[in-house]
Amino acid sequence: MRGITMFCMALLTAGTVSAQQQFTQADTLRGSITKERAWWDVTSYDLHVQVHLEDSTFSGFNTIAYKVLKPDTVMQIDLQVPMVIDSILQDRQSLAFTRNGNAWLVRMKSPQVKDKTKHLTVFYSGKPHKAKNAPWDGGVVWARDEQQRPWVATAVQHFGASAWWPNKDHQSDEPENMSIHVTVPAEMTDVSNGRLKKKTDNPDGTVTYTWYVSNPINNYDVAINVGHYSEIKDTYSGEGGKLDLSYWVLDYNVDKAKEHFKVVKPMLKCFEYWFGKYPFYKDSYKLVETPFLGMEHQSAVAYGNKFKMGYMGRDLSGTGWGLKWDFLIIHESGHEWFGNSITSKDIADMWIHESFTNYSETLFTQCQYSIKAGEEYVAGIRQIIKNDVPIIGPYGVNTEGSSDMYPKGANMIHNIRLIMNNDEAFRQMLRGLNKTFYHKTVTTQEVERFMSNAAGFDLGRVFDQYLRDTVIPTLEYRIIGQQVQYRWTNCVKDFNMPVRVKLSENGYKLIYPATSWRTASITLPDPNQFEVDKGFYIHVKKREATDNK
């Protein structure tokens, strides 16, 4: 789950992992663009699934539309044990396939002509992996509501969408649109992504809900939520016009939800101000009550915080501000911009999702209360930073970096905001990211370049320090007369992050430390009133004037 993974075990990065863990062929098959994946580009999925409550199984088929990038004869489809592919058809022909772990290699019969769009239908069935502790140890959640009625939901980000449906399970390739058809017992409702197009009553006592997603969507965001739901409808007037809002909650929670979900409109106003237009007006905005804590399922945000403030009633910042709003609603909705619209190509770069979304909590706190409140919140979450392994993980093996991508990544972004020293320019940078990379998959390098250009300063060493290393830089200084000498230590090579300090009674001013001593004049009445802006996530060490080291 992208919303609260700061509490799950941090995954190791390349340097650390190499000494402790050997990656397998399965890791490469899942995490890389294999030859069998590289030659085709998904354009749409037409997914059909029937939920069988009596034996906790799924069955159905997925028709994959794809564009041929270059001719080839073998295609990789992903579907995880214990699910099985029953048959595969193309052009009315049955195709042969073999299995290599969770990768299924399909031998094509029809010519695969470059630039042509082809269709392939995969029939599948089985008992999908049962989530042990969703969303961290994810899969399918088979639960009971308070009235002991069945309640089923998917939560598969860490586990992978191929835990329950066949697809090209790699973040770099998203369908341009998708249909989701879910068949459930007639007394139950399915809520999935996008808009409900139709409800079909079937002769066997089941009902099929057909949802359509008009925008590109991550595989792990595709969701089914099956329960005894009631819908609360509303609208929001935003930057993209009228946005339809739907809150799907268990039938006995309607009154509670009507009151608790009032935060959605001010949240959307805040996020549109800072990030730009909500990215999925065509698909609406939904909150869906789930039997697990939460997840950023696109246009159908999973909500399981039990209508409490904070994170299940706790404040992750320890400041009190985190108890003034519902963590799950704010954080998971922030992912609609960072994670769902802007998606990292490789999960090694998941900081792009989590660092910005974690910082959205700070921005919302500022919007609702004050700049000072936001500053206190982002400083408060430093208490959960571990600095165990780097935030960026190893590429091509389906492995994330440290869960520090949440609080440490947010503090890095706050550093950059302070470096820019201009909140309007910082806001335009965030909006520019969402405009430039709207509905796209990206790399860390692309985001770094964009942010450096927007900041007017090469942030390369800042990213190296906070994303690729585990040490926190130390600003050393010493007061000599009416001057201050300063330098960076405990940092990456050539670290050069500017920092705001108080040199005069005119407030904070940027200085540009290097790893060698530099000097600035102090005009304060007492030179010892010199101070470093505490908003920066750094260590500060004062040295004696006589210390010449």
Protein backbone atom coordinates (compact mmCIF):
# COMPACT_ATOMS: atom_id res chain seq x y z
CA MET A 1 0.00 0.00 0.00
CA ARG A 2 1.25 3.42 -0.84
CA GLY A 3 -0.55 5.24 1.89
CA ILE A 4 1.01 3.91 5.04
CA THR A 5 3.99 1.82 4.14
CA MET A 6 6.16 3.71 6.59
CA PHE A 7 5.19 1.00 9.04
CA CYS A 8 6.10 -1.98 6.91
CA MET A 9 9.55 -3.47 6.64
CA ALA A 10 11.82 -1.36 4.50
CA LEU A 11 12.99 -3.08 1.36
CA LEU A 12 16.69 -3.06 0.72
CA THR A 13 18.53 -1.26 -2.01
CA ALA A 14 21.11 -2.49 -4.44
CA GLY A 15 24.27 -2.09 -2.41
CA THR A 16 22.78 -3.47 0.77
CA VAL A 17 20.76 -6.18 -0.87
CA SER A 18 23.69 -7.55 -2.80
CA ALA A 19 25.37 -8.53 0.43
CA GLN A 20 22.28 -10.02 2.04
CA GLN A 21 19.96 -11.19 -0.70
CA GLN A 22 20.45 -12.70 -4.10
CA PHE A 23 17.85 -11.66 -6.62
CA THR A 24 16.21 -14.46 -8.54
CA GLN A 25 15.08 -14.94 -12.10
CA ALA A 26 11.54 -14.35 -10.84
CA ASP A 27 12.58 -10.90 -9.59
CA THR A 28 13.95 -10.04 -13.02
CA LEU A 29 10.94 -11.43 -14.86
CA ARG A 30 8.65 -9.29 -12.75
CA GLY A 31 10.77 -6.18 -12.41
CA SER A 32 12.38 -5.69 -15.81
CA ILE A 33 11.32 -5.09 -19.38
CA THR A 34 12.09 -8.54 -20.69
CA LYS A 35 12.37 -9.33 -24.38
CA GLU A 36 8.90 -10.86 -24.15
CA ARG A 37 7.52 -7.58 -22.81
CA ALA A 38 9.47 -5.06 -24.84
CA TRP A 39 7.85 -5.68 -28.23
CA TRP A 40 4.27 -4.75 -27.29
CA ASP A 41 2.53 -1.82 -25.64
CA VAL A 42 -0.76 -2.22 -23.77
CA THR A 43 -3.50 0.10 -25.03
CA SER A 44 -6.50 -1.23 -23.08
CA TYR A 45 -7.78 -4.01 -20.87
CA ASP A 46 -11.31 -5.45 -20.89
CA LEU A 47 -11.36 -7.36 -17.62
CA HIS A 48 -14.12 -9.76 -16.57
CA VAL A 49 -14.11 -11.42 -13.16
CA GLN A 50 -16.66 -13.39 -11.20
CA VAL A 51 -16.27 -13.51 -7.43
CA HIS A 52 -17.21 -16.90 -5.96
CA LEU A 53 -17.86 -16.41 -2.25
CA GLU A 54 -18.47 -20.09 -1.55
CA ASP A 55 -14.86 -21.13 -2.19
CA SER A 56 -12.99 -17.79 -2.30
CA THR A 57 -12.13 -18.11 -5.98
CA PHE A 58 -12.14 -15.84 -9.00
CA SER A 59 -12.76 -16.76 -12.62
CA GLY A 60 -12.99 -14.76 -15.80
CA PHE A 61 -11.09 -13.44 -18.76
CA ASN A 62 -9.12 -10.39 -19.80
CA THR A 63 -8.99 -9.14 -23.37
CA ILE A 64 -5.75 -7.26 -23.87
CA ALA A 65 -5.49 -4.72 -26.68
CA TYR A 66 -1.90 -3.90 -27.57
CA LYS A 67 0.16 -2.13 -30.18
CA VAL A 68 2.98 -4.06 -31.81
CA LEU A 69 6.21 -2.10 -31.41
CA LYS A 70 8.26 -4.66 -33.29
CA PRO A 71 7.38 -8.15 -34.53
CA ASP A 72 8.02 -11.06 -32.19
CA THR A 73 6.61 -14.47 -31.43
CA VAL A 74 6.60 -14.83 -27.64
CA MET A 75 4.64 -12.65 -25.19
CA GLN A 76 4.97 -12.53 -21.40
CA ILE A 77 1.73 -12.41 -19.41
CA ASP A 78 1.85 -12.25 -15.62
CA LEU A 79 -0.46 -14.18 -13.28
CA GLN A 80 0.64 -15.31 -9.85
CA VAL A 81 0.40 -18.67 -8.14
CA PRO A 82 -2.06 -20.12 -7.23
CA MET A 83 -4.07 -18.53 -10.05
CA VAL A 84 -3.90 -20.35 -13.39
CA ILE A 85 -4.41 -19.49 -17.02
CA ASP A 86 -6.91 -21.89 -18.55
CA SER A 87 -6.59 -20.86 -22.20
CA ILE A 88 -5.49 -18.02 -24.46
CA LEU A 89 -7.11 -17.02 -27.74
CA GLN A 90 -6.10 -14.72 -30.57
CA ASP A 91 -7.85 -14.41 -33.92
CA ARG A 92 -10.06 -17.38 -32.93
CA GLN A 93 -7.01 -19.55 -32.49
CA SER A 94 -5.92 -21.23 -29.28
CA LEU A 95 -2.35 -20.35 -28.35
CA ALA A 96 0.20 -22.53 -26.61
CA PHE A 97 1.85 -21.24 -23.46
CA THR A 98 4.33 -22.30 -20.81
CA ARG A 99 4.84 -21.15 -17.25
CA ASN A 100 7.98 -19.83 -15.60
CA GLY A 101 6.96 -19.08 -12.03
CA ASN A 102 4.46 -16.23 -12.23
CA ALA A 103 5.33 -15.41 -15.84
CA TRP A 104 3.42 -17.12 -18.63
CA LEU A 105 5.13 -17.22 -22.02
CA VAL A 106 2.65 -17.26 -24.88
CA ARG A 107 3.63 -18.38 -28.38
CA MET A 108 1.92 -16.27 -31.02
CA LYS A 109 0.50 -17.75 -34.23
CA SER A 110 -0.83 -14.73 -36.09
CA PRO A 111 1.63 -12.28 -37.67
CA GLN A 112 2.55 -9.47 -35.28
CA VAL A 113 2.86 -6.49 -37.62
CA LYS A 114 4.60 -3.35 -36.41
CA ASP A 115 2.24 -0.48 -35.46
CA LYS A 116 -0.83 -2.71 -35.71
CA THR A 117 -3.23 -3.11 -32.79
CA LYS A 118 -3.95 -6.71 -31.82
CA HIS A 119 -6.19 -8.37 -29.23
CA LEU A 120 -5.51 -11.34 -27.01
CA THR A 121 -7.98 -12.96 -24.59
CA VAL A 122 -6.71 -14.74 -21.50
CA PHE A 123 -9.09 -17.01 -19.57
CA TYR A 124 -8.12 -17.56 -15.96
CA SER A 125 -9.36 -18.97 -12.66
CA GLY A 126 -8.25 -19.98 -9.20
CA LYS A 127 -7.99 -18.96 -5.59
CA PRO A 128 -6.06 -15.67 -5.47
CA HIS A 129 -3.53 -15.07 -2.73
CA LYS A 130 -5.37 -14.25 0.48
CA ALA A 131 -4.09 -11.09 2.11
CA LYS A 132 -2.57 -11.83 5.50
CA ASN A 133 -2.25 -8.22 6.62
CA ALA A 134 -3.54 -5.91 3.91
CA PRO A 135 -2.37 -3.66 2.52
CA TRP A 136 1.24 -4.52 3.48
CA ASP A 137 1.02 -8.25 2.89
CA GLY A 138 -1.60 -7.85 0.24
CA GLY A 139 -3.81 -9.88 -2.03
CA VAL A 140 -7.55 -10.37 -1.77
CA VAL A 141 -9.27 -9.57 1.52
CA TRP A 142 -12.13 -11.92 2.41
CA ALA A 143 -13.83 -10.31 5.40
CA ARG A 144 -17.14 -9.85 7.21
CA ASP A 145 -18.76 -6.54 8.03
CA GLU A 146 -20.23 -5.71 11.45
CA GLN A 147 -23.41 -7.56 10.50
CA GLN A 148 -21.38 -10.65 9.55
CA ARG A 149 -22.09 -10.24 5.84
CA PRO A 150 -19.39 -11.02 3.25
CA TRP A 151 -17.07 -8.15 2.33
CA VAL A 152 -14.37 -8.58 -0.32
CA ALA A 153 -11.69 -6.20 -1.56
CA THR A 154 -8.35 -6.22 -3.38
CA ALA A 155 -5.16 -4.61 -2.07
CA VAL A 156 -2.20 -5.64 -4.18
CA GLN A 157 0.33 -2.87 -4.68
CA HIS A 158 3.28 -4.59 -3.02
CA PHE A 159 2.08 -7.98 -4.17
CA GLY A 160 1.22 -6.99 -7.72
CA ALA A 161 -1.98 -6.82 -9.75
CA SER A 162 -1.16 -10.22 -11.23
CA ALA A 163 -2.13 -11.67 -7.84
CA TRP A 164 -5.71 -11.78 -9.12
CA TRP A 165 -5.88 -10.93 -12.83
CA PRO A 166 -3.62 -11.56 -15.86
CA ASN A 167 -1.82 -8.52 -17.24
CA LYS A 168 1.52 -6.98 -18.12
CA ASP A 169 2.51 -6.41 -14.51
CA HIS A 170 5.02 -3.59 -14.78
CA GLN A 171 4.46 0.06 -13.84
CA SER A 172 6.01 1.39 -17.03
CA ASP A 173 3.10 0.23 -19.21
CA GLU A 174 -0.39 1.48 -18.42
CA PRO A 175 -3.51 0.98 -20.54
CA GLU A 176 -4.96 4.14 -22.00
CA ASN A 177 -8.40 3.05 -20.74
CA MET A 178 -10.03 0.02 -19.21
CA SER A 179 -13.35 -1.76 -18.72
CA ILE A 180 -13.94 -3.71 -15.52
CA HIS A 181 -16.85 -6.18 -15.33
CA VAL A 182 -17.40 -7.74 -11.92
CA THR A 183 -20.03 -10.42 -11.28
CA VAL A 184 -21.22 -10.84 -7.69
CA PRO A 185 -24.24 -12.18 -5.79
CA ALA A 186 -27.36 -10.11 -6.52
CA GLU A 187 -27.63 -8.75 -2.97
CA MET A 188 -24.13 -7.25 -3.13
CA THR A 189 -22.56 -4.29 -4.94
CA ASP A 190 -19.18 -3.98 -6.62
CA VAL A 191 -17.40 -0.64 -6.68
CA SER A 192 -14.43 -0.38 -9.01
CA ASN A 193 -12.48 2.36 -10.75
CA GLY A 194 -13.94 4.93 -13.12
CA ARG A 195 -17.65 5.33 -13.77
CA LEU A 196 -20.42 2.78 -13.48
CA LYS A 197 -21.72 2.22 -17.00
CA LYS A 198 -24.31 -0.46 -16.38
CA LYS A 199 -25.65 -3.06 -14.00
CA THR A 200 -26.80 -6.35 -15.52
CA ASP A 201 -29.03 -8.84 -13.73
CA ASN A 202 -28.08 -12.40 -14.65
CA PRO A 203 -30.40 -15.46 -14.74
CA ASP A 204 -28.28 -17.33 -12.18
CA GLY A 205 -28.98 -14.89 -9.36
CA THR A 206 -25.86 -12.81 -9.86
CA VAL A 207 -25.39 -9.25 -11.05
CA THR A 208 -22.60 -7.80 -13.18
CA TYR A 209 -21.31 -4.28 -12.61
CA THR A 210 -19.52 -2.70 -15.56
CA TRP A 211 -17.13 0.16 -14.81
CA TYR A 212 -15.19 2.17 -17.36
CA VAL A 213 -11.90 3.98 -16.75
CA SER A 214 -11.33 6.75 -19.30
CA ASN A 215 -7.77 7.55 -18.25
CA PRO A 216 -4.50 5.63 -18.03
CA ILE A 217 -4.36 3.53 -14.86
CA ASN A 218 -1.70 1.64 -12.91
CA ASN A 219 -2.31 -2.10 -12.75
CA TYR A 220 -2.11 -2.11 -8.95
CA ASP A 221 -4.77 0.60 -8.78
CA VAL A 222 -7.36 -1.62 -10.46
CA ALA A 223 -9.70 -2.67 -7.68
CA ILE A 224 -12.83 -4.55 -6.81
CA ASN A 225 -14.77 -3.80 -3.64
CA VAL A 226 -17.72 -6.09 -3.02
CA GLY A 227 -20.07 -5.46 -0.13
CA HIS A 228 -23.41 -4.11 1.02
CA TYR A 229 -22.74 -0.55 -0.08
CA SER A 230 -24.79 2.62 -0.21
CA GLU A 231 -23.74 5.60 -2.32
CA ILE A 232 -23.59 9.22 -1.20
CA LYS A 233 -23.44 11.62 -4.15
CA ASP A 234 -22.09 15.15 -4.28
CA THR A 235 -20.27 17.49 -6.67
CA TYR A 236 -17.30 19.83 -6.43
CA SER A 237 -16.62 22.88 -8.61
CA GLY A 238 -12.92 22.88 -9.32
CA GLU A 239 -10.31 23.85 -11.88
CA GLY A 240 -11.69 21.29 -14.34
CA GLY A 241 -15.34 22.28 -13.89
CA LYS A 242 -17.84 20.04 -12.14
CA LEU A 243 -16.30 16.99 -10.49
CA ASP A 244 -18.65 14.19 -9.48
CA LEU A 245 -18.03 12.90 -5.96
CA SER A 246 -19.25 9.50 -4.76
CA TYR A 247 -18.78 8.00 -1.34
CA TRP A 248 -19.50 4.28 -1.19
CA VAL A 249 -19.84 3.09 2.40
CA LEU A 250 -21.45 0.16 4.14
CA ASP A 251 -25.18 0.77 4.41
CA TYR A 252 -25.08 1.31 8.18
CA ASN A 253 -22.33 3.98 7.96
CA VAL A 254 -24.09 6.50 5.70
CA ASP A 255 -24.81 9.12 8.37
CA LYS A 256 -21.33 8.84 9.81
CA ALA A 257 -19.75 9.21 6.35
CA LYS A 258 -21.82 12.25 5.40
CA GLU A 259 -20.30 14.17 8.27
CA HIS A 260 -16.79 12.74 8.20
CA PHE A 261 -16.24 13.12 4.46
CA LYS A 262 -16.94 16.87 4.50
CA VAL A 263 -13.15 17.28 4.45
CA VAL A 264 -13.03 16.16 0.81
CA LYS A 265 -13.98 19.51 -0.73
CA PRO A 266 -11.47 21.67 1.17
CA MET A 267 -8.87 19.00 0.50
CA LEU A 268 -9.54 19.09 -3.24
CA LYS A 269 -9.41 22.89 -3.19
CA CYS A 270 -6.05 22.80 -1.43
CA PHE A 271 -4.54 20.16 -3.69
CA GLU A 272 -5.76 21.84 -6.87
CA TYR A 273 -4.20 25.08 -5.67
CA TRP A 274 -0.83 23.45 -5.08
CA PHE A 275 -0.76 20.66 -7.67
CA GLY A 276 -3.15 21.71 -10.41
CA LYS A 277 -6.38 20.24 -11.70
CA TYR A 278 -7.53 16.93 -10.22
CA PRO A 279 -6.23 14.48 -12.83
CA PHE A 280 -9.32 12.32 -13.34
CA TYR A 281 -12.39 14.51 -13.86
CA LYS A 282 -13.69 12.08 -16.51
CA ASP A 283 -13.61 9.23 -14.02
CA SER A 284 -14.91 11.13 -10.96
CA TYR A 285 -13.60 11.06 -7.39
CA LYS A 286 -14.70 8.25 -5.08
CA LEU A 287 -14.03 7.12 -1.54
CA VAL A 288 -14.83 3.45 -0.97
CA GLU A 289 -15.04 1.94 2.50
CA THR A 290 -12.83 -1.15 2.70
CA PRO A 291 -12.03 -3.92 5.20
CA PHE A 292 -8.39 -2.82 5.27
CA LEU A 293 -6.71 0.46 6.14
CA GLY A 294 -6.49 2.16 2.77
CA MET A 295 -4.97 2.47 -0.68
CA GLU A 296 -4.82 5.01 -3.49
CA HIS A 297 -6.95 3.07 -5.96
CA GLN A 298 -7.39 5.53 -8.80
CA SER A 299 -10.75 7.34 -8.75
CA ALA A 300 -11.90 4.81 -6.11
CA VAL A 301 -9.73 5.58 -3.09
CA ALA A 302 -9.87 2.74 -0.56
CA TYR A 303 -10.81 4.00 2.90
CA GLY A 304 -10.60 1.92 6.08
CA ASN A 305 -9.66 4.42 8.80
CA LYS A 306 -12.98 3.79 10.59
CA PHE A 307 -14.01 7.46 10.45
CA LYS A 308 -11.25 8.47 12.86
CA MET A 309 -8.95 11.46 12.82
CA GLY A 310 -5.25 10.90 12.34
CA TYR A 311 -3.83 7.52 11.45
CA MET A 312 -6.26 5.17 13.20
CA GLY A 313 -6.49 7.78 15.95
CA ARG A 314 -2.74 8.46 16.13
CA ASP A 315 -0.68 11.48 15.10
CA LEU A 316 2.38 10.40 13.12
CA SER A 317 3.99 13.80 13.61
CA GLY A 318 3.60 13.95 17.37
CA THR A 319 2.65 17.62 17.06
CA GLY A 320 -1.11 17.43 17.45
CA TRP A 321 -1.73 18.66 13.92
CA GLY A 322 -2.04 15.12 12.60
CA LEU A 323 -5.12 14.54 14.77
CA LYS A 324 -7.04 17.39 13.18
CA TRP A 325 -7.71 15.54 9.92
CA ASP A 326 -8.17 12.00 8.61
CA PHE A 327 -4.77 10.75 7.46
CA LEU A 328 -6.17 8.15 5.07
CA ILE A 329 -8.40 10.55 3.16
CA ILE A 330 -5.69 13.18 2.77
CA HIS A 331 -2.73 10.94 2.02
CA GLU A 332 -4.42 8.48 -0.32
CA SER A 333 -6.18 11.25 -2.23
CA GLY A 334 -2.87 13.05 -2.67
CA HIS A 335 -1.75 10.04 -4.65
CA GLU A 336 -4.20 10.92 -7.41
CA TRP A 337 -1.61 13.50 -8.48
CA PHE A 338 1.59 11.73 -7.42
CA GLY A 339 1.43 7.99 -8.03
CA ASN A 340 -1.67 7.73 -10.19
CA SER A 341 -1.30 10.57 -12.68
CA ILE A 342 2.48 10.73 -12.37
CA THR A 343 3.81 7.18 -12.01
CA SER A 344 7.35 5.91 -11.67
CA LYS A 345 8.41 3.49 -14.39
CA ASP A 346 10.24 1.29 -11.87
CA ILE A 347 9.19 0.77 -8.26
CA ALA A 348 12.77 1.57 -7.27
CA ASP A 349 11.68 5.18 -7.88
CA MET A 350 8.59 5.04 -5.68
CA TRP A 351 9.76 8.15 -3.86
CA ILE A 352 8.08 10.02 -6.71
CA HIS A 353 4.79 8.66 -5.39
CA GLU A 354 5.42 8.75 -1.67
CA SER A 355 7.61 11.77 -0.97
CA PHE A 356 5.33 14.23 -2.74
CA THR A 357 2.20 12.62 -1.34
CA ASN A 358 3.62 12.68 2.16
CA TYR A 359 4.34 16.37 1.63
CA SER A 360 0.72 16.85 0.58
CA GLU A 361 -0.12 16.28 4.26
CA THR A 362 2.03 19.29 5.15
CA LEU A 363 0.39 21.41 2.46
CA PHE A 364 -3.09 20.42 3.60
CA THR A 365 -2.18 21.31 7.19
CA GLN A 366 -0.98 24.68 5.93
CA CYS A 367 -4.16 25.19 3.88
CA GLN A 368 -6.41 24.43 6.83
CA TYR A 369 -4.47 26.09 9.61
CA SER A 370 -1.29 28.06 8.91
CA ILE A 371 2.19 27.97 7.41
CA LYS A 372 3.55 27.49 10.91
CA ALA A 373 1.29 24.47 11.44
CA GLY A 374 2.56 22.90 8.23
CA GLU A 375 6.17 23.55 9.21
CA GLU A 376 5.61 21.95 12.60
CA TYR A 377 3.98 18.93 10.99
CA VAL A 378 6.75 18.23 8.48
CA ALA A 379 9.39 18.68 11.18
CA GLY A 380 7.43 16.37 13.46
CA ILE A 381 7.45 13.42 11.08
CA ARG A 382 11.25 13.38 11.22
CA GLN A 383 10.87 11.28 14.36
CA ILE A 384 9.95 8.26 12.23
CA ILE A 385 12.88 8.55 9.80
CA LYS A 386 15.18 5.54 10.09
CA ASN A 387 18.03 6.39 7.69
CA ASP A 388 18.51 2.65 7.26
CA VAL A 389 19.08 2.27 3.53
CA PRO A 390 18.74 4.66 0.57
CA ILE A 391 15.31 5.70 -0.62
CA ILE A 392 15.96 4.70 -4.24
CA GLY A 393 16.02 0.94 -4.63
CA PRO A 394 17.73 -1.36 -7.13
CA TYR A 395 16.34 -1.17 -10.64
CA GLY A 396 14.87 -4.00 -12.68
CA VAL A 397 14.15 -6.43 -9.83
CA ASN A 398 10.79 -5.22 -8.50
CA THR A 399 12.26 -3.85 -5.27
CA GLU A 400 11.64 -0.58 -3.46
CA GLY A 401 14.06 1.38 -1.34
CA SER A 402 13.62 2.53 2.25
CA SER A 403 10.24 3.44 3.66
CA ASP A 404 11.99 6.72 4.51
CA MET A 405 10.63 7.74 1.10
CA TYR A 406 7.65 9.01 3.12
CA PRO A 407 8.91 11.30 5.92
CA LYS A 408 12.48 11.84 4.73
CA GLY A 409 11.36 12.40 1.16
CA ALA A 410 8.81 14.96 2.34
CA ASN A 411 11.50 16.76 4.31
CA MET A 412 13.75 16.79 1.25
CA ILE A 413 10.96 18.48 -0.69
CA HIS A 414 10.56 20.97 2.15
CA ASN A 415 14.31 21.67 1.94
CA ILE A 416 13.86 22.44 -1.75
CA ARG A 417 10.96 24.76 -0.94
CA LEU A 418 13.19 26.66 1.49
CA ILE A 419 16.04 26.76 -1.03
CA MET A 420 13.72 28.31 -3.61
CA ASN A 421 12.74 30.89 -0.99
CA ASN A 422 9.65 31.75 -3.01
CA ASP A 423 6.43 29.88 -2.31
CA GLU A 424 4.78 30.95 -5.55
CA ALA A 425 7.71 29.60 -7.56
CA PHE A 426 7.58 26.40 -5.51
CA ARG A 427 3.84 26.08 -6.19
CA GLN A 428 4.39 26.58 -9.90
CA MET A 429 7.04 23.86 -9.80
CA LEU A 430 4.55 21.40 -8.29
CA ARG A 431 1.88 22.41 -10.78
CA GLY A 432 4.43 22.21 -13.58
CA LEU A 433 5.33 18.66 -12.62
CA ASN A 434 1.68 17.69 -12.87
CA LYS A 435 1.26 19.47 -16.19
CA THR A 436 4.45 18.15 -17.79
CA PHE A 437 4.07 14.57 -16.58
CA TYR A 438 0.27 14.41 -16.63
CA HIS A 439 -0.84 10.78 -17.03
CA LYS A 440 2.73 9.68 -17.72
CA THR A 441 5.26 7.22 -16.36
CA VAL A 442 8.57 8.81 -15.41
CA THR A 443 12.05 8.21 -14.05
CA THR A 444 13.85 9.87 -11.16
CA GLN A 445 16.19 11.56 -13.64
CA GLU A 446 13.29 13.25 -15.44
CA VAL A 447 11.84 14.57 -12.19
CA GLU A 448 15.25 15.74 -10.96
CA ARG A 449 15.92 17.67 -14.17
CA PHE A 450 12.52 19.32 -14.08
CA MET A 451 12.88 20.38 -10.46
CA SER A 452 16.39 21.72 -10.96
CA ASN A 453 15.22 23.82 -13.89
CA ALA A 454 12.25 25.11 -11.92
CA ALA A 455 14.39 25.91 -8.89
CA GLY A 456 17.04 27.68 -10.95
CA PHE A 457 19.65 25.65 -9.11
CA ASP A 458 21.22 22.26 -9.80
CA LEU A 459 19.64 20.06 -7.15
CA GLY A 460 21.63 17.00 -8.18
CA ARG A 461 23.69 16.82 -4.98
CA VAL A 462 20.55 17.35 -2.88
CA PHE A 463 18.92 14.34 -4.52
CA ASP A 464 22.11 12.32 -4.14
CA GLN A 465 22.24 13.14 -0.44
CA TYR A 466 18.65 12.42 0.47
CA LEU A 467 17.64 9.75 -2.05
CA ARG A 468 20.85 7.80 -2.62
CA ASP A 469 22.56 8.03 0.77
CA THR A 470 21.57 7.49 4.39
CA VAL A 471 23.58 10.14 6.22
CA ILE A 472 22.16 13.52 7.15
CA PRO A 473 24.46 16.40 6.19
CA THR A 474 25.95 18.50 8.96
CA LEU A 475 26.37 22.25 8.64
CA GLU A 476 29.37 23.21 10.75
CA TYR A 477 29.97 26.84 11.64
CA ARG A 478 32.17 28.96 13.88
CA ILE A 479 31.83 32.60 14.88
CA ILE A 480 35.00 34.69 14.55
CA GLY A 481 34.39 38.31 15.42
CA GLN A 482 31.67 39.67 13.14
CA GLN A 483 32.04 36.80 10.70
CA VAL A 484 30.73 33.28 10.45
CA GLN A 485 32.63 30.50 8.73
CA TYR A 486 30.61 27.52 7.55
CA ARG A 487 30.91 24.27 5.59
CA TRP A 488 29.17 20.97 4.94
CA THR A 489 30.45 17.74 6.48
CA ASN A 490 29.07 14.20 6.72
CA CYS A 491 27.77 14.52 3.19
CA VAL A 492 28.11 13.25 -0.35
CA LYS A 493 30.98 14.45 -2.52
CA ASP A 494 30.67 18.10 -3.56
CA PHE A 495 27.47 18.62 -1.57
CA ASN A 496 26.38 22.21 -2.14
CA MET A 497 22.85 22.69 -0.83
CA PRO A 498 22.04 26.32 -0.01
CA VAL A 499 20.63 26.96 3.44
CA ARG A 500 18.86 29.89 5.07
CA VAL A 501 20.54 31.58 8.01
CA LYS A 502 20.07 34.74 10.05
CA LEU A 503 22.97 37.13 9.45
CA SER A 504 21.15 40.37 10.17
CA GLU A 505 17.96 41.70 11.67
CA ASN A 506 16.37 41.53 8.22
CA GLY A 507 15.51 37.84 8.58
CA TYR A 508 16.82 34.75 6.88
CA LYS A 509 19.15 34.88 3.91
CA LEU A 510 20.46 32.09 1.70
CA ILE A 511 24.11 31.14 1.97
CA TYR A 512 25.87 28.61 -0.24
CA PRO A 513 28.06 26.29 1.81
CA ALA A 514 30.52 23.89 0.22
CA THR A 515 32.63 21.15 1.76
CA SER A 516 35.39 23.69 2.40
CA TRP A 517 35.09 26.67 4.72
CA ARG A 518 33.34 29.78 3.43
CA THR A 519 32.80 33.11 5.18
CA ALA A 520 29.93 35.58 5.59
CA SER A 521 29.62 38.81 7.54
CA ILE A 522 27.25 39.11 10.50
CA THR A 523 25.56 42.45 11.22
CA LEU A 524 23.49 41.28 14.18
CA PRO A 525 24.10 43.22 17.43
CA ASP A 526 25.39 39.99 18.92
CA PRO A 527 27.12 37.64 16.45
CA ASN A 528 26.02 34.70 18.59
CA GLN A 529 22.45 35.44 17.52
CA PHE A 530 23.39 33.79 14.24
CA GLU A 531 21.04 30.88 13.58
CA VAL A 532 20.17 28.34 10.92
CA ASP A 533 16.60 27.93 9.72
CA LYS A 534 15.27 24.90 11.63
CA GLY A 535 13.02 24.07 8.70
CA PHE A 536 15.91 22.34 6.95
CA TYR A 537 16.35 18.63 7.60
CA ILE A 538 20.05 18.82 8.47
CA HIS A 539 22.30 18.59 11.49
CA VAL A 540 23.93 21.79 12.75
CA LYS A 541 27.17 21.83 14.73
CA LYS A 542 28.80 24.90 16.23
CA ARG A 543 32.59 24.77 16.48
CA GLU A 544 34.77 26.93 18.67
CA ALA A 545 36.44 29.91 17.01
CA THR A 546 39.81 28.44 17.94
CA ASP A 547 38.99 25.09 16.34
CA ASN A 548 40.96 25.14 13.09
CA LYS A 549 40.11 21.65 11.92
